[in-house]
Amino acid sequence: MRPYRPKDNVQKKAYYTDRFWIAPRIPEEDVSQDKVYAVDLEKIKAKFDIKKAYIQRGQLVIIIDPSINKELLFFLRDELGYDMLIELSAIDYLAQDGEFEVFYQLLSLSKRKRLRVKCRIKEDEAIESVNPVFRSADWSEREMYDMFGIKVNNHPYFKRILMPDDWVGYPLRKTYPLHGDEAAQWYEIDKIFGKEYREIVGPEIRDAAWIDKTDTEQFARYGHEVPKGAPYDSEPVKIDSFNEDAPLVETFDLKKSKIVDRDR
């Protein structure tokens, strides 16, 4: 497993430049401003110990201890009508606080209200599966483990879902290299052919901005089109009209096109 390298000041370096901008924190409003949320929160507090509750962007946010996540979601579903789990995932705050933030996004179809449940866990701490409450949590919890390495207790089929079982590291952690490490660059070559073929095949290109001018079928040109499979040194064909062979479609003539100077 890839060793974790402390980056204690990674969140403190947030500043505005032409490439990077940190949005201001969304204000937290009092729950009493919404009658539905105020009633729901009173019912929740009567049965559970809530660390903090507020309204943010028009939805109720509840912060709890991770040990009550399953029981609380049962209560929200059966007693308060939050009958749909929309999203389940985590946020990496290891460098800042040494913790992950796990959140559950719920929706009540009858009330037309959204509610978010959040809790914090340590890097080596596990959380209880909510798959018995919402079946949609099955793949989401597996993805949370696959991408962040968060262990989920009592999951019915707990294994990676996106990455191979022998993959090294967790790609959504902030310490994971953006282009992958050596194991990522050579993974397919090593698995399919063996390490002795590294020099023959070459490393995998993992730069998302890289474009091959001579793609597989020699089909792409910048600003032009060529016949499929044409050699790269062939002369590009500039097309002025389209749909000439479609009887029910009006032929488009590039020479007759007009440019609108302003919005109507």
C-alpha atoms as a PDB file:
ATOM      1  CA  MET A   1       0.000   0.000   0.000  1.00  0.00           C
ATOM      2  CA  ARG A   2       1.272   3.496  -0.811  1.00  0.00           C
ATOM      3  CA  PRO A   3       2.674   5.210   2.314  1.00  0.00           C
ATOM      4  CA  TYR A   4       0.809   8.302   3.468  1.00  0.00           C
ATOM      5  CA  ARG A   5       2.969  11.423   3.327  1.00  0.00           C
ATOM      6  CA  PRO A   6       1.821  14.164   5.717  1.00  0.00           C
ATOM      7  CA  LYS A   7       0.750  17.388   4.047  1.00  0.00           C
ATOM      8  CA  ASP A   8      -0.228  19.434   7.072  1.00  0.00           C
ATOM      9  CA  ASN A   9      -0.388  22.735   5.213  1.00  0.00           C
ATOM     10  CA  VAL A  10      -2.155  21.540   2.062  1.00  0.00           C
ATOM     11  CA  GLN A  11      -5.462  23.177   3.044  1.00  0.00           C
ATOM     12  CA  LYS A  12      -3.735  26.332   4.316  1.00  0.00           C
ATOM     13  CA  LYS A  13      -2.349  27.172   0.880  1.00  0.00           C
ATOM     14  CA  ALA A  14      -5.738  28.094  -0.554  1.00  0.00           C
ATOM     15  CA  TYR A  15      -5.447  31.428  -2.322  1.00  0.00           C
ATOM     16  CA  TYR A  16      -6.865  33.151  -5.382  1.00  0.00           C
ATOM     17  CA  THR A  17      -4.961  33.114  -8.642  1.00  0.00           C
ATOM     18  CA  ASP A  18      -6.024  33.045 -12.257  1.00  0.00           C
ATOM     19  CA  ARG A  19      -6.069  29.224 -12.071  1.00  0.00           C
ATOM     20  CA  PHE A  20      -7.272  28.458  -8.575  1.00  0.00           C
ATOM     21  CA  TRP A  21     -10.060  29.963  -6.502  1.00  0.00           C
ATOM     22  CA  ILE A  22     -11.563  28.869  -3.197  1.00  0.00           C
ATOM     23  CA  ALA A  23     -15.225  29.772  -2.881  1.00  0.00           C
ATOM     24  CA  PRO A  24     -16.302  31.409   0.394  1.00  0.00           C
ATOM     25  CA  ARG A  25     -17.942  29.115   2.921  1.00  0.00           C
ATOM     26  CA  ILE A  26     -21.705  28.780   2.536  1.00  0.00           C
ATOM     27  CA  PRO A  27     -23.476  30.352   5.544  1.00  0.00           C
ATOM     28  CA  GLU A  28     -25.159  28.085   8.076  1.00  0.00           C
ATOM     29  CA  GLU A  29     -28.731  29.116   8.923  1.00  0.00           C
ATOM     30  CA  ASP A  30     -30.791  28.322  12.009  1.00  0.00           C
ATOM     31  CA  VAL A  31     -33.081  25.298  11.714  1.00  0.00           C
ATOM     32  CA  SER A  32     -36.015  27.220  13.232  1.00  0.00           C
ATOM     33  CA  GLN A  33     -36.367  29.147   9.962  1.00  0.00           C
ATOM     34  CA  ASP A  34     -37.985  26.091   8.338  1.00  0.00           C
ATOM     35  CA  LYS A  35     -41.051  24.642  10.086  1.00  0.00           C
ATOM     36  CA  VAL A  36     -40.714  21.160   8.565  1.00  0.00           C
ATOM     37  CA  TYR A  37     -37.030  20.843   9.441  1.00  0.00           C
ATOM     38  CA  ALA A  38     -37.633  22.255  12.931  1.00  0.00           C
ATOM     39  CA  VAL A  39     -40.225  19.563  13.689  1.00  0.00           C
ATOM     40  CA  ASP A  40     -38.037  16.806  12.232  1.00  0.00           C
ATOM     41  CA  LEU A  41     -35.028  17.939  14.247  1.00  0.00           C
ATOM     42  CA  GLU A  42     -36.991  17.898  17.505  1.00  0.00           C
ATOM     43  CA  LYS A  43     -38.064  14.307  16.831  1.00  0.00           C
ATOM     44  CA  ILE A  44     -34.475  13.326  16.037  1.00  0.00           C
ATOM     45  CA  LYS A  45     -33.073  14.987  19.178  1.00  0.00           C
ATOM     46  CA  ALA A  46     -35.635  13.182  21.314  1.00  0.00           C
ATOM     47  CA  LYS A  47     -34.035   9.851  20.371  1.00  0.00           C
ATOM     48  CA  PHE A  48     -30.460  10.562  19.262  1.00  0.00           C
ATOM     49  CA  ASP A  49     -27.533  12.655  20.412  1.00  0.00           C
ATOM     50  CA  ILE A  50     -26.859  15.208  17.669  1.00  0.00           C
ATOM     51  CA  LYS A  51     -23.566  17.096  17.607  1.00  0.00           C
ATOM     52  CA  LYS A  52     -24.717  19.919  15.357  1.00  0.00           C
ATOM     53  CA  ALA A  53     -27.607  20.799  13.036  1.00  0.00           C
ATOM     54  CA  TYR A  54     -28.134  23.686  10.626  1.00  0.00           C
ATOM     55  CA  ILE A  55     -29.661  24.587   7.268  1.00  0.00           C
ATOM     56  CA  GLN A  56     -27.338  25.092   4.321  1.00  0.00           C
ATOM     57  CA  ARG A  57     -28.532  25.872   0.803  1.00  0.00           C
ATOM     58  CA  GLY A  58     -32.101  25.153   1.835  1.00  0.00           C
ATOM     59  CA  GLN A  59     -31.472  21.663   3.222  1.00  0.00           C
ATOM     60  CA  LEU A  60     -31.026  20.295   6.726  1.00  0.00           C
ATOM     61  CA  VAL A  61     -27.518  19.134   7.688  1.00  0.00           C
ATOM     62  CA  ILE A  62     -27.019  16.926  10.758  1.00  0.00           C
ATOM     63  CA  ILE A  63     -23.622  16.017  12.211  1.00  0.00           C
ATOM     64  CA  ILE A  64     -23.567  12.816  14.284  1.00  0.00           C
ATOM     65  CA  ASP A  65     -21.271  10.287  15.882  1.00  0.00           C
ATOM     66  CA  PRO A  66     -20.442   7.510  13.350  1.00  0.00           C
ATOM     67  CA  SER A  67     -21.609   4.815  15.786  1.00  0.00           C
ATOM     68  CA  ILE A  68     -25.307   5.726  15.263  1.00  0.00           C
ATOM     69  CA  ASN A  69     -25.336   6.085  11.472  1.00  0.00           C
ATOM     70  CA  LYS A  70     -27.368   2.939  10.790  1.00  0.00           C
ATOM     71  CA  GLU A  71     -29.930   3.479  13.572  1.00  0.00           C
ATOM     72  CA  LEU A  72     -30.433   7.125  12.603  1.00  0.00           C
ATOM     73  CA  LEU A  73     -31.005   6.294   8.934  1.00  0.00           C
ATOM     74  CA  PHE A  74     -33.570   3.657   9.932  1.00  0.00           C
ATOM     75  CA  PHE A  75     -35.361   6.330  11.973  1.00  0.00           C
ATOM     76  CA  LEU A  76     -35.219   8.901   9.177  1.00  0.00           C
ATOM     77  CA  ARG A  77     -36.632   6.417   6.689  1.00  0.00           C
ATOM     78  CA  ASP A  78     -39.369   4.803   8.809  1.00  0.00           C
ATOM     79  CA  GLU A  79     -40.436   7.665  11.092  1.00  0.00           C
ATOM     80  CA  LEU A  80     -39.716  10.874   9.185  1.00  0.00           C
ATOM     81  CA  GLY A  81     -40.288   9.807   5.569  1.00  0.00           C
ATOM     82  CA  TYR A  82     -36.808  10.321   4.116  1.00  0.00           C
ATOM     83  CA  ASP A  83     -37.241   7.326   1.876  1.00  0.00           C
ATOM     84  CA  MET A  84     -34.479   7.720  -0.716  1.00  0.00           C
ATOM     85  CA  LEU A  85     -30.688   7.632  -0.383  1.00  0.00           C
ATOM     86  CA  ILE A  86     -29.408   9.795  -3.228  1.00  0.00           C
ATOM     87  CA  GLU A  87     -25.693   9.806  -2.500  1.00  0.00           C
ATOM     88  CA  LEU A  88     -23.160   8.283  -0.134  1.00  0.00           C
ATOM     89  CA  SER A  89     -19.476   9.098  -0.203  1.00  0.00           C
ATOM     90  CA  ALA A  90     -16.593  10.669   1.707  1.00  0.00           C
ATOM     91  CA  ILE A  91     -14.185  13.627   1.728  1.00  0.00           C
ATOM     92  CA  ASP A  92     -10.481  13.366   2.505  1.00  0.00           C
ATOM     93  CA  TYR A  93      -9.514  15.634   5.420  1.00  0.00           C
ATOM     94  CA  LEU A  94      -6.522  13.521   6.473  1.00  0.00           C
ATOM     95  CA  ALA A  95      -3.963  16.279   6.000  1.00  0.00           C
ATOM     96  CA  GLN A  96      -6.074  18.843   7.841  1.00  0.00           C
ATOM     97  CA  ASP A  97      -7.710  16.838  10.649  1.00  0.00           C
ATOM     98  CA  GLY A  98      -6.509  13.249  10.262  1.00  0.00           C
ATOM     99  CA  GLU A  99     -10.071  12.192   9.440  1.00  0.00           C
ATOM    100  CA  PHE A 100     -12.511  11.340   6.665  1.00  0.00           C
ATOM    101  CA  GLU A 101     -15.934  12.949   6.452  1.00  0.00           C
ATOM    102  CA  VAL A 102     -18.620  10.408   5.479  1.00  0.00           C
ATOM    103  CA  PHE A 103     -21.957  11.817   4.321  1.00  0.00           C
ATOM    104  CA  TYR A 104     -25.387  10.450   3.425  1.00  0.00           C
ATOM    105  CA  GLN A 105     -27.669  12.531   1.176  1.00  0.00           C
ATOM    106  CA  LEU A 106     -31.368  11.737   1.728  1.00  0.00           C
ATOM    107  CA  LEU A 107     -34.581  12.821   0.003  1.00  0.00           C
ATOM    108  CA  SER A 108     -38.179  12.789   1.233  1.00  0.00           C
ATOM    109  CA  LEU A 109     -40.520  12.493  -1.738  1.00  0.00           C
ATOM    110  CA  SER A 110     -43.613  13.226   0.354  1.00  0.00           C
ATOM    111  CA  LYS A 111     -42.157  16.342   2.022  1.00  0.00           C
ATOM    112  CA  ARG A 112     -40.039  17.393  -0.958  1.00  0.00           C
ATOM    113  CA  LYS A 113     -37.158  17.993   1.440  1.00  0.00           C
ATOM    114  CA  ARG A 114     -33.479  17.030   1.416  1.00  0.00           C
ATOM    115  CA  LEU A 115     -31.387  16.080   4.426  1.00  0.00           C
ATOM    116  CA  ARG A 116     -27.670  15.420   4.755  1.00  0.00           C
ATOM    117  CA  VAL A 117     -26.168  13.319   7.558  1.00  0.00           C
ATOM    118  CA  LYS A 118     -22.417  13.766   8.177  1.00  0.00           C
ATOM    119  CA  CYS A 119     -19.911  12.135  10.511  1.00  0.00           C
ATOM    120  CA  ARG A 120     -16.128  12.000  10.939  1.00  0.00           C
ATOM    121  CA  ILE A 121     -13.971   8.856  11.227  1.00  0.00           C
ATOM    122  CA  LYS A 122     -10.239   8.278  11.602  1.00  0.00           C
ATOM    123  CA  GLU A 123      -8.117   6.802   8.802  1.00  0.00           C
ATOM    124  CA  ASP A 124      -7.961   3.357  10.437  1.00  0.00           C
ATOM    125  CA  GLU A 125     -11.558   3.422  11.701  1.00  0.00           C
ATOM    126  CA  ALA A 126     -14.423   1.464  10.114  1.00  0.00           C
ATOM    127  CA  ILE A 127     -18.066   2.477   9.766  1.00  0.00           C
ATOM    128  CA  GLU A 128     -21.220   0.351   9.832  1.00  0.00           C
ATOM    129  CA  SER A 129     -22.883  -0.504   6.526  1.00  0.00           C
ATOM    130  CA  VAL A 130     -26.297   1.085   5.860  1.00  0.00           C
ATOM    131  CA  ASN A 131     -27.078  -1.451   3.159  1.00  0.00           C
ATOM    132  CA  PRO A 132     -29.900  -2.963   5.319  1.00  0.00           C
ATOM    133  CA  VAL A 133     -31.545   0.492   5.347  1.00  0.00           C
ATOM    134  CA  PHE A 134     -31.074   1.453   1.695  1.00  0.00           C
ATOM    135  CA  ARG A 135     -30.055  -1.137  -0.894  1.00  0.00           C
ATOM    136  CA  SER A 136     -28.621   1.667  -3.022  1.00  0.00           C
ATOM    137  CA  ALA A 137     -25.820   1.948  -0.457  1.00  0.00           C
ATOM    138  CA  ASP A 138     -24.317  -1.362  -1.651  1.00  0.00           C
ATOM    139  CA  TRP A 139     -22.230  -0.101  -4.571  1.00  0.00           C
ATOM    140  CA  SER A 140     -21.693   3.347  -3.018  1.00  0.00           C
ATOM    141  CA  GLU A 141     -20.016   1.818   0.038  1.00  0.00           C
ATOM    142  CA  ARG A 142     -17.842  -0.367  -2.165  1.00  0.00           C
ATOM    143  CA  GLU A 143     -16.842   2.675  -4.206  1.00  0.00           C
ATOM    144  CA  MET A 144     -16.066   4.598  -1.001  1.00  0.00           C
ATOM    145  CA  TYR A 145     -13.700   1.797   0.008  1.00  0.00           C
ATOM    146  CA  ASP A 146     -12.245   1.530  -3.491  1.00  0.00           C
ATOM    147  CA  MET A 147     -11.515   5.250  -3.835  1.00  0.00           C
ATOM    148  CA  PHE A 148     -10.714   6.266  -0.233  1.00  0.00           C
ATOM    149  CA  GLY A 149      -9.861   3.028   1.588  1.00  0.00           C
ATOM    150  CA  ILE A 150     -12.663   3.444   4.154  1.00  0.00           C
ATOM    151  CA  LYS A 151     -13.640   0.076   5.612  1.00  0.00           C
ATOM    152  CA  VAL A 152     -17.350  -0.742   5.999  1.00  0.00           C
ATOM    153  CA  ASN A 153     -18.426  -3.352   8.541  1.00  0.00           C
ATOM    154  CA  ASN A 154     -21.069  -6.012   7.732  1.00  0.00           C
ATOM    155  CA  HIS A 155     -21.256  -5.238   4.026  1.00  0.00           C
ATOM    156  CA  PRO A 156     -22.690  -8.226   2.071  1.00  0.00           C
ATOM    157  CA  TYR A 157     -19.991  -8.214  -0.637  1.00  0.00           C
ATOM    158  CA  PHE A 158     -17.154  -5.958   0.426  1.00  0.00           C
ATOM    159  CA  LYS A 159     -14.525  -5.655  -2.325  1.00  0.00           C
ATOM    160  CA  ARG A 160     -13.292  -3.147  -4.864  1.00  0.00           C
ATOM    161  CA  ILE A 161     -15.806  -2.138  -7.534  1.00  0.00           C
ATOM    162  CA  LEU A 162     -13.864   0.075  -9.990  1.00  0.00           C
ATOM    163  CA  MET A 163     -10.187  -0.739  -9.578  1.00  0.00           C
ATOM    164  CA  PRO A 164      -8.658  -4.237  -9.836  1.00  0.00           C
ATOM    165  CA  ASP A 165      -8.440  -6.228  -6.591  1.00  0.00           C
ATOM    166  CA  ASP A 166      -4.635  -5.979  -6.539  1.00  0.00           C
ATOM    167  CA  TRP A 167      -4.524  -2.215  -7.201  1.00  0.00           C
ATOM    168  CA  VAL A 168      -2.146  -0.261  -4.967  1.00  0.00           C
ATOM    169  CA  GLY A 169      -3.574   2.803  -3.201  1.00  0.00           C
ATOM    170  CA  TYR A 170      -6.848   4.729  -3.304  1.00  0.00           C
ATOM    171  CA  PRO A 171      -7.227   7.172  -6.241  1.00  0.00           C
ATOM    172  CA  LEU A 172      -9.435   9.828  -4.570  1.00  0.00           C
ATOM    173  CA  ARG A 173      -7.123  10.475  -1.652  1.00  0.00           C
ATOM    174  CA  LYS A 174      -5.405  13.841  -1.946  1.00  0.00           C
ATOM    175  CA  THR A 175      -1.990  12.187  -1.628  1.00  0.00           C
ATOM    176  CA  TYR A 176      -2.580   9.965  -4.667  1.00  0.00           C
ATOM    177  CA  PRO A 177      -0.543  11.126  -7.720  1.00  0.00           C
ATOM    178  CA  LEU A 178      -2.737  12.658 -10.425  1.00  0.00           C
ATOM    179  CA  HIS A 179      -1.065  10.617 -13.194  1.00  0.00           C
ATOM    180  CA  GLY A 180      -0.578   7.543 -11.034  1.00  0.00           C
ATOM    181  CA  ASP A 181       2.686   6.033  -9.861  1.00  0.00           C
ATOM    182  CA  GLU A 182       4.917   3.440 -11.510  1.00  0.00           C
ATOM    183  CA  ALA A 183       2.518   0.607 -10.631  1.00  0.00           C
ATOM    184  CA  ALA A 184      -0.353   2.459 -12.325  1.00  0.00           C
ATOM    185  CA  GLN A 185       1.607   3.300 -15.482  1.00  0.00           C
ATOM    186  CA  TRP A 186       2.771  -0.274 -16.045  1.00  0.00           C
ATOM    187  CA  TYR A 187      -0.224  -2.162 -14.623  1.00  0.00           C
ATOM    188  CA  GLU A 188      -1.783  -3.437 -17.865  1.00  0.00           C
ATOM    189  CA  ILE A 189       1.561  -4.246 -19.486  1.00  0.00           C
ATOM    190  CA  ASP A 190       2.708  -6.223 -16.439  1.00  0.00           C
ATOM    191  CA  LYS A 191      -0.600  -8.101 -16.139  1.00  0.00           C
ATOM    192  CA  ILE A 192      -1.094  -8.959 -19.820  1.00  0.00           C
ATOM    193  CA  PHE A 193       2.455  -9.446 -21.139  1.00  0.00           C
ATOM    194  CA  GLY A 194       4.800  -9.385 -18.152  1.00  0.00           C
ATOM    195  CA  LYS A 195       7.434  -6.934 -16.946  1.00  0.00           C
ATOM    196  CA  GLU A 196       9.903  -8.082 -19.599  1.00  0.00           C
ATOM    197  CA  TYR A 197       7.714  -6.321 -22.226  1.00  0.00           C
ATOM    198  CA  ARG A 198       8.016  -2.869 -20.645  1.00  0.00           C
ATOM    199  CA  GLU A 199      10.743  -1.721 -23.035  1.00  0.00           C
ATOM    200  CA  ILE A 200       8.948  -3.192 -26.053  1.00  0.00           C
ATOM    201  CA  VAL A 201       5.483  -1.691 -25.463  1.00  0.00           C
ATOM    202  CA  GLY A 202       6.354   1.419 -23.447  1.00  0.00           C
ATOM    203  CA  PRO A 203       4.507   3.037 -20.526  1.00  0.00           C
ATOM    204  CA  GLU A 204       0.812   3.864 -20.605  1.00  0.00           C
ATOM    205  CA  ILE A 205       0.099   7.502 -21.476  1.00  0.00           C
ATOM    206  CA  ARG A 206      -1.944   8.863 -18.559  1.00  0.00           C
ATOM    207  CA  ASP A 207      -2.003  12.545 -19.497  1.00  0.00           C
ATOM    208  CA  ALA A 208      -5.668  13.440 -20.127  1.00  0.00           C
ATOM    209  CA  ALA A 209      -4.655  16.410 -22.337  1.00  0.00           C
ATOM    210  CA  TRP A 210      -2.530  14.316 -24.707  1.00  0.00           C
ATOM    211  CA  ILE A 211      -3.880  13.932 -28.268  1.00  0.00           C
ATOM    212  CA  ASP A 212      -2.584  11.480 -30.857  1.00  0.00           C
ATOM    213  CA  LYS A 213      -2.532  13.221 -34.245  1.00  0.00           C
ATOM    214  CA  THR A 214      -2.224   9.853 -35.947  1.00  0.00           C
ATOM    215  CA  ASP A 215      -4.998   7.929 -34.219  1.00  0.00           C
ATOM    216  CA  THR A 216      -5.896   4.297 -34.943  1.00  0.00           C
ATOM    217  CA  GLU A 217      -7.879   4.929 -38.127  1.00  0.00           C
ATOM    218  CA  GLN A 218      -6.147   8.169 -39.214  1.00  0.00           C
ATOM    219  CA  PHE A 219      -9.599   9.752 -39.018  1.00  0.00           C
ATOM    220  CA  ALA A 220      -9.041  12.953 -37.040  1.00  0.00           C
ATOM    221  CA  ARG A 221      -7.586  16.201 -38.348  1.00  0.00           C
ATOM    222  CA  TYR A 222      -7.636  19.619 -36.780  1.00  0.00           C
ATOM    223  CA  GLY A 223     -10.344  21.569 -38.620  1.00  0.00           C
ATOM    224  CA  HIS A 224     -10.637  19.104 -41.533  1.00  0.00           C
ATOM    225  CA  GLU A 225     -11.905  15.651 -42.402  1.00  0.00           C
ATOM    226  CA  VAL A 226     -10.245  12.856 -44.341  1.00  0.00           C
ATOM    227  CA  PRO A 227     -11.438   9.455 -45.537  1.00  0.00           C
ATOM    228  CA  LYS A 228     -11.297   6.702 -42.941  1.00  0.00           C
ATOM    229  CA  GLY A 229      -7.941   4.940 -42.918  1.00  0.00           C
ATOM    230  CA  ALA A 230      -6.233   7.496 -45.151  1.00  0.00           C
ATOM    231  CA  PRO A 231      -2.480   7.897 -44.619  1.00  0.00           C
ATOM    232  CA  TYR A 232      -1.485  10.765 -42.378  1.00  0.00           C
ATOM    233  CA  ASP A 233       0.341  12.635 -45.149  1.00  0.00           C
ATOM    234  CA  SER A 234      -2.783  12.671 -47.364  1.00  0.00           C
ATOM    235  CA  GLU A 235      -4.346  16.001 -48.320  1.00  0.00           C
ATOM    236  CA  PRO A 236      -7.240  17.028 -46.043  1.00  0.00           C
ATOM    237  CA  VAL A 237     -10.611  17.572 -47.727  1.00  0.00           C
ATOM    238  CA  LYS A 238     -12.377  20.865 -46.979  1.00  0.00           C
ATOM    239  CA  ILE A 239     -16.153  20.320 -46.936  1.00  0.00           C
ATOM    240  CA  ASP A 240     -18.476  23.214 -47.850  1.00  0.00           C
ATOM    241  CA  SER A 241     -21.854  21.442 -48.084  1.00  0.00           C
ATOM    242  CA  PHE A 242     -23.496  18.606 -46.175  1.00  0.00           C
ATOM    243  CA  ASN A 243     -26.482  16.241 -46.464  1.00  0.00           C
ATOM    244  CA  GLU A 244     -26.400  16.117 -50.273  1.00  0.00           C
ATOM    245  CA  ASP A 245     -27.505  12.471 -50.282  1.00  0.00           C
ATOM    246  CA  ALA A 246     -30.340  12.895 -47.733  1.00  0.00           C
ATOM    247  CA  PRO A 247     -33.595  13.533 -49.683  1.00  0.00           C
ATOM    248  CA  LEU A 248     -35.663  14.631 -46.661  1.00  0.00           C
ATOM    249  CA  VAL A 249     -33.033  16.935 -45.198  1.00  0.00           C
ATOM    250  CA  GLU A 250     -32.300  20.390 -46.568  1.00  0.00           C
ATOM    251  CA  THR A 251     -28.771  20.604 -47.931  1.00  0.00           C
ATOM    252  CA  PHE A 252     -26.553  22.782 -45.785  1.00  0.00           C
ATOM    253  CA  ASP A 253     -24.317  25.098 -47.774  1.00  0.00           C
ATOM    254  CA  LEU A 254     -21.504  26.655 -45.794  1.00  0.00           C
ATOM    255  CA  LYS A 255     -21.236  29.538 -48.281  1.00  0.00           C
ATOM    256  CA  LYS A 256     -24.872  30.564 -47.632  1.00  0.00           C
ATOM    257  CA  SER A 257     -24.537  30.541 -43.865  1.00  0.00           C
ATOM    258  CA  LYS A 258     -24.995  33.786 -41.934  1.00  0.00           C
ATOM    259  CA  ILE A 259     -23.401  35.022 -38.736  1.00  0.00           C
ATOM    260  CA  VAL A 260     -25.739  36.730 -36.296  1.00  0.00           C
ATOM    261  CA  ASP A 261     -24.161  39.853 -34.840  1.00  0.00           C
ATOM    262  CA  ARG A 262     -26.403  40.142 -31.783  1.00  0.00           C
ATOM    263  CA  ASP A 263     -28.988  38.125 -29.857  1.00  0.00           C
ATOM    264  CA  ARG A 264     -32.574  38.529 -30.989  1.00  0.00           C
END
